[in-house]
Amino acid sequence: MSGIQIVLLTGVAFIGLYLIIRLKKKVLDLVFLLALVAAAIVFILWPDLTNTIANKLGVGRGADLVFYTSILIFWFVLLKLYLRIRQLEKSFTQIIRDQALKNATMPDSENMSSTNK
């Protein structure tokens, strides 16, 4: 095993462990992550396999295939983060509205009558 393989495998392992800890309750995300980690380990240990798969898929090189799939994964993560941010914005808006209604006070009648004159 070459040095770069050891470095890459270690990096993938640390990223995988970190995300497994963070995604304890999200089964689908965990399955997706484990599939990516498994693919990364296989492609790191047997780099010629990417060339074989790439040729069968009509891509010139294995590195290009990895690049293309990385772009897809990047867009998936980007869209997932965008949706999460939208959900948080809606939640914050609802919390702020509820809090404003809860703390709202009725204007007293003296102030209302003096402003209407």
N, C-alpha and C. Protein backbone atom coordinates (compact mmCIF):
# COMPACT_ATOMS: atom_id res chain seq x y z
N MET A 1 0.86 -1.17 0.00
CA MET A 1 0.00 0.00 0.00
C MET A 1 0.91 1.23 0.00
N SER A 2 0.58 2.20 -0.87
CA SER A 2 1.42 3.39 -0.98
C SER A 2 1.03 4.42 0.10
N GLY A 3 1.88 5.40 0.23
CA GLY A 3 1.66 6.43 1.24
C GLY A 3 0.38 7.23 1.02
N ILE A 4 0.09 7.56 -0.23
CA ILE A 4 -1.10 8.34 -0.52
C ILE A 4 -2.36 7.55 -0.19
N GLN A 5 -2.32 6.24 -0.40
CA GLN A 5 -3.47 5.41 -0.05
C GLN A 5 -3.73 5.44 1.45
N ILE A 6 -2.66 5.40 2.22
CA ILE A 6 -2.80 5.44 3.68
C ILE A 6 -3.38 6.79 4.12
N VAL A 7 -2.87 7.86 3.54
CA VAL A 7 -3.36 9.20 3.88
C VAL A 7 -4.84 9.34 3.50
N LEU A 8 -5.19 8.91 2.30
CA LEU A 8 -6.58 9.03 1.85
C LEU A 8 -7.52 8.16 2.66
N LEU A 9 -7.10 6.93 2.95
CA LEU A 9 -7.94 6.04 3.77
C LEU A 9 -8.15 6.61 5.17
N THR A 10 -7.11 7.18 5.74
CA THR A 10 -7.22 7.78 7.07
C THR A 10 -8.18 8.97 7.03
N GLY A 11 -8.05 9.81 6.00
CA GLY A 11 -8.94 10.95 5.86
C GLY A 11 -10.40 10.53 5.69
N VAL A 12 -10.62 9.53 4.85
CA VAL A 12 -11.98 9.03 4.64
C VAL A 12 -12.53 8.45 5.94
N ALA A 13 -11.71 7.74 6.68
CA ALA A 13 -12.16 7.15 7.94
C ALA A 13 -12.55 8.23 8.95
N PHE A 14 -11.72 9.26 9.08
CA PHE A 14 -12.05 10.34 10.02
C PHE A 14 -13.31 11.08 9.61
N ILE A 15 -13.45 11.38 8.34
CA ILE A 15 -14.66 12.05 7.87
C ILE A 15 -15.88 11.17 8.10
N GLY A 16 -15.74 9.88 7.79
CA GLY A 16 -16.84 8.95 7.99
C GLY A 16 -17.25 8.85 9.45
N LEU A 17 -16.28 8.72 10.35
CA LEU A 17 -16.59 8.64 11.78
C LEU A 17 -17.25 9.92 12.28
N TYR A 18 -16.73 11.05 11.85
CA TYR A 18 -17.31 12.32 12.27
C TYR A 18 -18.76 12.42 11.84
N LEU A 19 -19.02 12.09 10.60
CA LEU A 19 -20.38 12.21 10.10
C LEU A 19 -21.31 11.15 10.69
N ILE A 20 -20.81 9.97 10.96
CA ILE A 20 -21.63 8.95 11.61
C ILE A 20 -22.08 9.44 12.99
N ILE A 21 -21.19 10.07 13.70
CA ILE A 21 -21.53 10.60 15.02
C ILE A 21 -22.58 11.70 14.88
N ARG A 22 -22.44 12.55 13.87
CA ARG A 22 -23.37 13.67 13.67
C ARG A 22 -24.72 13.22 13.12
N LEU A 23 -24.78 12.09 12.42
CA LEU A 23 -26.00 11.67 11.75
C LEU A 23 -26.65 10.46 12.43
N LYS A 24 -26.53 10.36 13.72
CA LYS A 24 -27.02 9.19 14.45
C LYS A 24 -28.46 8.83 14.09
N LYS A 25 -29.31 9.81 13.97
CA LYS A 25 -30.73 9.53 13.83
C LYS A 25 -31.24 9.63 12.40
N LYS A 26 -30.41 9.91 11.48
CA LYS A 26 -30.83 10.07 10.09
C LYS A 26 -30.34 8.87 9.29
N VAL A 27 -31.16 7.86 9.23
CA VAL A 27 -30.79 6.57 8.66
C VAL A 27 -30.43 6.68 7.18
N LEU A 28 -31.24 7.40 6.42
CA LEU A 28 -30.98 7.51 4.98
C LEU A 28 -29.65 8.21 4.71
N ASP A 29 -29.39 9.28 5.45
CA ASP A 29 -28.11 9.97 5.30
C ASP A 29 -26.95 9.05 5.69
N LEU A 30 -27.16 8.27 6.72
CA LEU A 30 -26.12 7.36 7.18
C LEU A 30 -25.83 6.28 6.14
N VAL A 31 -26.86 5.74 5.52
CA VAL A 31 -26.67 4.73 4.48
C VAL A 31 -25.94 5.34 3.29
N PHE A 32 -26.34 6.54 2.89
CA PHE A 32 -25.67 7.24 1.78
C PHE A 32 -24.20 7.48 2.10
N LEU A 33 -23.94 7.92 3.32
CA LEU A 33 -22.56 8.17 3.74
C LEU A 33 -21.74 6.89 3.72
N LEU A 34 -22.30 5.83 4.25
CA LEU A 34 -21.56 4.56 4.28
C LEU A 34 -21.27 4.05 2.86
N ALA A 35 -22.20 4.26 1.94
CA ALA A 35 -21.96 3.87 0.55
C ALA A 35 -20.82 4.69 -0.06
N LEU A 36 -20.80 5.98 0.23
CA LEU A 36 -19.71 6.82 -0.27
C LEU A 36 -18.37 6.43 0.32
N VAL A 37 -18.36 6.16 1.62
CA VAL A 37 -17.11 5.75 2.28
C VAL A 37 -16.63 4.41 1.71
N ALA A 38 -17.54 3.48 1.52
CA ALA A 38 -17.16 2.18 0.95
C ALA A 38 -16.61 2.35 -0.47
N ALA A 39 -17.26 3.18 -1.28
CA ALA A 39 -16.77 3.42 -2.65
C ALA A 39 -15.40 4.08 -2.61
N ALA A 40 -15.22 5.04 -1.72
CA ALA A 40 -13.92 5.71 -1.60
C ALA A 40 -12.83 4.72 -1.22
N ILE A 41 -13.11 3.85 -0.28
CA ILE A 41 -12.11 2.85 0.15
C ILE A 41 -11.77 1.91 -1.01
N VAL A 42 -12.78 1.43 -1.71
CA VAL A 42 -12.54 0.52 -2.84
C VAL A 42 -11.72 1.20 -3.91
N PHE A 43 -12.06 2.45 -4.26
CA PHE A 43 -11.35 3.15 -5.32
C PHE A 43 -9.94 3.56 -4.91
N ILE A 44 -9.72 3.78 -3.61
CA ILE A 44 -8.37 4.09 -3.13
C ILE A 44 -7.50 2.85 -3.16
N LEU A 45 -8.06 1.71 -2.74
CA LEU A 45 -7.27 0.48 -2.72
C LEU A 45 -7.03 -0.09 -4.12
N TRP A 46 -8.01 0.05 -5.00
CA TRP A 46 -7.89 -0.47 -6.37
C TRP A 46 -8.19 0.64 -7.37
N PRO A 47 -7.22 1.54 -7.59
CA PRO A 47 -7.47 2.70 -8.46
C PRO A 47 -7.75 2.32 -9.92
N ASP A 48 -7.25 1.18 -10.39
CA ASP A 48 -7.52 0.78 -11.77
C ASP A 48 -8.99 0.44 -11.99
N LEU A 49 -9.69 0.14 -10.93
CA LEU A 49 -11.11 -0.16 -11.03
C LEU A 49 -11.90 1.04 -11.54
N THR A 50 -11.46 2.25 -11.17
CA THR A 50 -12.15 3.45 -11.67
C THR A 50 -12.01 3.57 -13.19
N ASN A 51 -10.85 3.19 -13.72
CA ASN A 51 -10.66 3.23 -15.18
C ASN A 51 -11.58 2.22 -15.87
N THR A 52 -11.69 1.04 -15.28
CA THR A 52 -12.55 0.01 -15.86
C THR A 52 -14.01 0.46 -15.88
N ILE A 53 -14.47 0.96 -14.75
CA ILE A 53 -15.86 1.44 -14.67
C ILE A 53 -16.07 2.62 -15.60
N ALA A 54 -15.10 3.52 -15.64
CA ALA A 54 -15.21 4.70 -16.51
C ALA A 54 -15.31 4.29 -17.98
N ASN A 55 -14.49 3.34 -18.39
CA ASN A 55 -14.54 2.89 -19.78
C ASN A 55 -15.89 2.25 -20.11
N LYS A 56 -16.45 1.50 -19.17
CA LYS A 56 -17.76 0.88 -19.40
C LYS A 56 -18.87 1.93 -19.46
N LEU A 57 -18.68 3.06 -18.77
CA LEU A 57 -19.68 4.11 -18.77
C LEU A 57 -19.45 5.15 -19.87
N GLY A 58 -18.37 4.97 -20.62
CA GLY A 58 -18.10 5.88 -21.72
C GLY A 58 -17.31 7.12 -21.33
N VAL A 59 -16.65 7.07 -20.19
CA VAL A 59 -15.81 8.17 -19.74
C VAL A 59 -14.36 7.76 -20.01
N GLY A 60 -13.55 8.72 -20.43
CA GLY A 60 -12.18 8.41 -20.82
C GLY A 60 -11.30 7.87 -19.71
N ARG A 61 -11.30 8.53 -18.57
CA ARG A 61 -10.42 8.13 -17.48
C ARG A 61 -11.19 7.96 -16.18
N GLY A 62 -10.63 7.19 -15.28
CA GLY A 62 -11.25 7.00 -13.97
C GLY A 62 -11.28 8.29 -13.17
N ALA A 63 -10.24 9.11 -13.33
CA ALA A 63 -10.20 10.39 -12.62
C ALA A 63 -11.35 11.29 -13.06
N ASP A 64 -11.67 11.26 -14.34
CA ASP A 64 -12.81 12.04 -14.83
C ASP A 64 -14.11 11.53 -14.23
N LEU A 65 -14.26 10.23 -14.14
CA LEU A 65 -15.46 9.65 -13.53
C LEU A 65 -15.60 10.10 -12.08
N VAL A 66 -14.51 10.05 -11.34
CA VAL A 66 -14.54 10.49 -9.94
C VAL A 66 -14.90 11.97 -9.87
N PHE A 67 -14.34 12.76 -10.77
CA PHE A 67 -14.65 14.19 -10.80
C PHE A 67 -16.13 14.43 -11.07
N TYR A 68 -16.68 13.74 -12.05
CA TYR A 68 -18.09 13.92 -12.39
C TYR A 68 -19.01 13.51 -11.24
N THR A 69 -18.70 12.39 -10.63
CA THR A 69 -19.54 11.96 -9.50
C THR A 69 -19.38 12.91 -8.31
N SER A 70 -18.20 13.47 -8.16
CA SER A 70 -17.99 14.46 -7.09
C SER A 70 -18.85 15.70 -7.30
N ILE A 71 -18.97 16.11 -8.56
CA ILE A 71 -19.83 17.26 -8.86
C ILE A 71 -21.28 16.93 -8.49
N LEU A 72 -21.73 15.72 -8.83
CA LEU A 72 -23.10 15.34 -8.48
C LEU A 72 -23.31 15.32 -6.97
N ILE A 73 -22.36 14.78 -6.26
CA ILE A 73 -22.46 14.74 -4.80
C ILE A 73 -22.45 16.16 -4.23
N PHE A 74 -21.60 17.02 -4.80
CA PHE A 74 -21.54 18.41 -4.36
C PHE A 74 -22.90 19.09 -4.53
N TRP A 75 -23.54 18.90 -5.66
CA TRP A 75 -24.84 19.50 -5.90
C TRP A 75 -25.89 18.93 -4.96
N PHE A 76 -25.83 17.64 -4.68
CA PHE A 76 -26.75 17.02 -3.73
C PHE A 76 -26.61 17.68 -2.36
N VAL A 77 -25.38 17.82 -1.91
CA VAL A 77 -25.14 18.41 -0.59
C VAL A 77 -25.56 19.87 -0.59
N LEU A 78 -25.25 20.58 -1.66
CA LEU A 78 -25.62 21.99 -1.76
C LEU A 78 -27.15 22.17 -1.68
N LEU A 79 -27.87 21.36 -2.42
CA LEU A 79 -29.34 21.45 -2.38
C LEU A 79 -29.89 21.04 -1.03
N LYS A 80 -29.30 20.03 -0.42
CA LYS A 80 -29.74 19.60 0.90
C LYS A 80 -29.53 20.72 1.93
N LEU A 81 -28.39 21.39 1.85
CA LEU A 81 -28.13 22.50 2.76
C LEU A 81 -29.08 23.67 2.49
N TYR A 82 -29.36 23.94 1.23
CA TYR A 82 -30.30 25.00 0.88
C TYR A 82 -31.68 24.72 1.48
N LEU A 83 -32.15 23.49 1.32
CA LEU A 83 -33.46 23.14 1.87
C LEU A 83 -33.47 23.24 3.39
N ARG A 84 -32.38 22.86 4.01
CA ARG A 84 -32.28 22.94 5.47
C ARG A 84 -32.31 24.39 5.93
N ILE A 85 -31.62 25.27 5.21
CA ILE A 85 -31.61 26.68 5.56
C ILE A 85 -33.01 27.26 5.41
N ARG A 86 -33.70 26.89 4.34
CA ARG A 86 -35.08 27.37 4.15
C ARG A 86 -35.98 26.91 5.30
N GLN A 87 -35.81 25.66 5.72
CA GLN A 87 -36.61 25.13 6.83
C GLN A 87 -36.32 25.90 8.12
N LEU A 88 -35.05 26.19 8.35
CA LEU A 88 -34.69 26.95 9.55
C LEU A 88 -35.24 28.37 9.50
N GLU A 89 -35.21 29.00 8.32
CA GLU A 89 -35.78 30.34 8.18
C GLU A 89 -37.27 30.34 8.51
N LYS A 90 -37.99 29.35 8.01
CA LYS A 90 -39.42 29.25 8.30
C LYS A 90 -39.66 29.03 9.79
N SER A 91 -38.86 28.18 10.40
CA SER A 91 -39.00 27.93 11.83
C SER A 91 -38.74 29.19 12.65
N PHE A 92 -37.66 29.90 12.31
CA PHE A 92 -37.35 31.13 13.02
C PHE A 92 -38.46 32.17 12.85
N THR A 93 -38.98 32.29 11.64
CA THR A 93 -40.06 33.24 11.39
C THR A 93 -41.28 32.90 12.25
N GLN A 94 -41.63 31.63 12.30
CA GLN A 94 -42.79 31.22 13.10
C GLN A 94 -42.56 31.47 14.58
N ILE A 95 -41.36 31.18 15.06
CA ILE A 95 -41.05 31.41 16.48
C ILE A 95 -41.13 32.90 16.79
N ILE A 96 -40.58 33.73 15.92
CA ILE A 96 -40.60 35.18 16.15
C ILE A 96 -42.03 35.71 16.11
N ARG A 97 -42.84 35.23 15.18
CA ARG A 97 -44.25 35.65 15.12
C ARG A 97 -44.99 35.25 16.39
N ASP A 98 -44.81 34.00 16.81
CA ASP A 98 -45.48 33.54 18.02
C ASP A 98 -45.06 34.36 19.24
N GLN A 99 -43.78 34.65 19.32
CA GLN A 99 -43.26 35.43 20.45
C GLN A 99 -43.79 36.86 20.41
N ALA A 100 -43.88 37.44 19.22
CA ALA A 100 -44.41 38.80 19.10
C ALA A 100 -45.88 38.85 19.51
N LEU A 101 -46.66 37.86 19.08
CA LEU A 101 -48.08 37.82 19.47
C LEU A 101 -48.24 37.59 20.96
N LYS A 102 -47.37 36.79 21.52
CA LYS A 102 -47.44 36.50 22.95
C LYS A 102 -47.12 37.74 23.78
N ASN A 103 -46.18 38.55 23.33
CA ASN A 103 -45.75 39.73 24.08
C ASN A 103 -46.48 41.00 23.67
N ALA A 104 -47.39 40.90 22.72
CA ALA A 104 -48.11 42.09 22.26
C ALA A 104 -49.02 42.60 23.38
N THR A 105 -49.12 43.92 23.48
CA THR A 105 -50.01 44.54 24.47
C THR A 105 -51.02 45.40 23.73
N MET A 106 -52.18 45.49 24.30
CA MET A 106 -53.24 46.32 23.73
C MET A 106 -52.97 47.76 24.12
N PRO A 107 -53.14 48.69 23.20
CA PRO A 107 -52.97 50.11 23.57
C PRO A 107 -54.09 50.52 24.52
N ASP A 108 -53.76 51.38 25.53
CA ASP A 108 -54.81 51.79 26.45
C ASP A 108 -55.73 52.81 25.79
N SER A 109 -56.92 52.87 26.30
CA SER A 109 -57.98 53.66 25.66
C SER A 109 -57.68 55.16 25.68
N GLU A 110 -56.95 55.68 26.67
CA GLU A 110 -56.62 57.09 26.72
C GLU A 110 -55.70 57.48 25.55
N ASN A 111 -54.73 56.66 25.29
CA ASN A 111 -53.82 56.94 24.19
C ASN A 111 -54.54 56.84 22.86
N MET A 112 -55.44 55.90 22.75
CA MET A 112 -56.19 55.72 21.51
C MET A 112 -57.09 56.93 21.24
N SER A 113 -57.76 57.42 22.28
CA SER A 113 -58.67 58.56 22.07
C SER A 113 -57.92 59.83 21.77
N SER A 114 -56.74 60.01 22.35
CA SER A 114 -55.97 61.23 22.08
C SER A 114 -55.34 61.19 20.69
N THR A 115 -55.02 60.05 20.18
CA THR A 115 -54.44 59.96 18.85
C THR A 115 -55.48 60.04 17.76
N ASN A 116 -56.73 59.74 18.07
CA ASN A 116 -57.79 59.79 17.07
C ASN A 116 -58.35 61.19 16.89
N LYS A 117 -58.05 62.12 17.75
CA LYS A 117 -58.59 63.49 17.66
C LYS A 117 -57.91 64.34 16.64
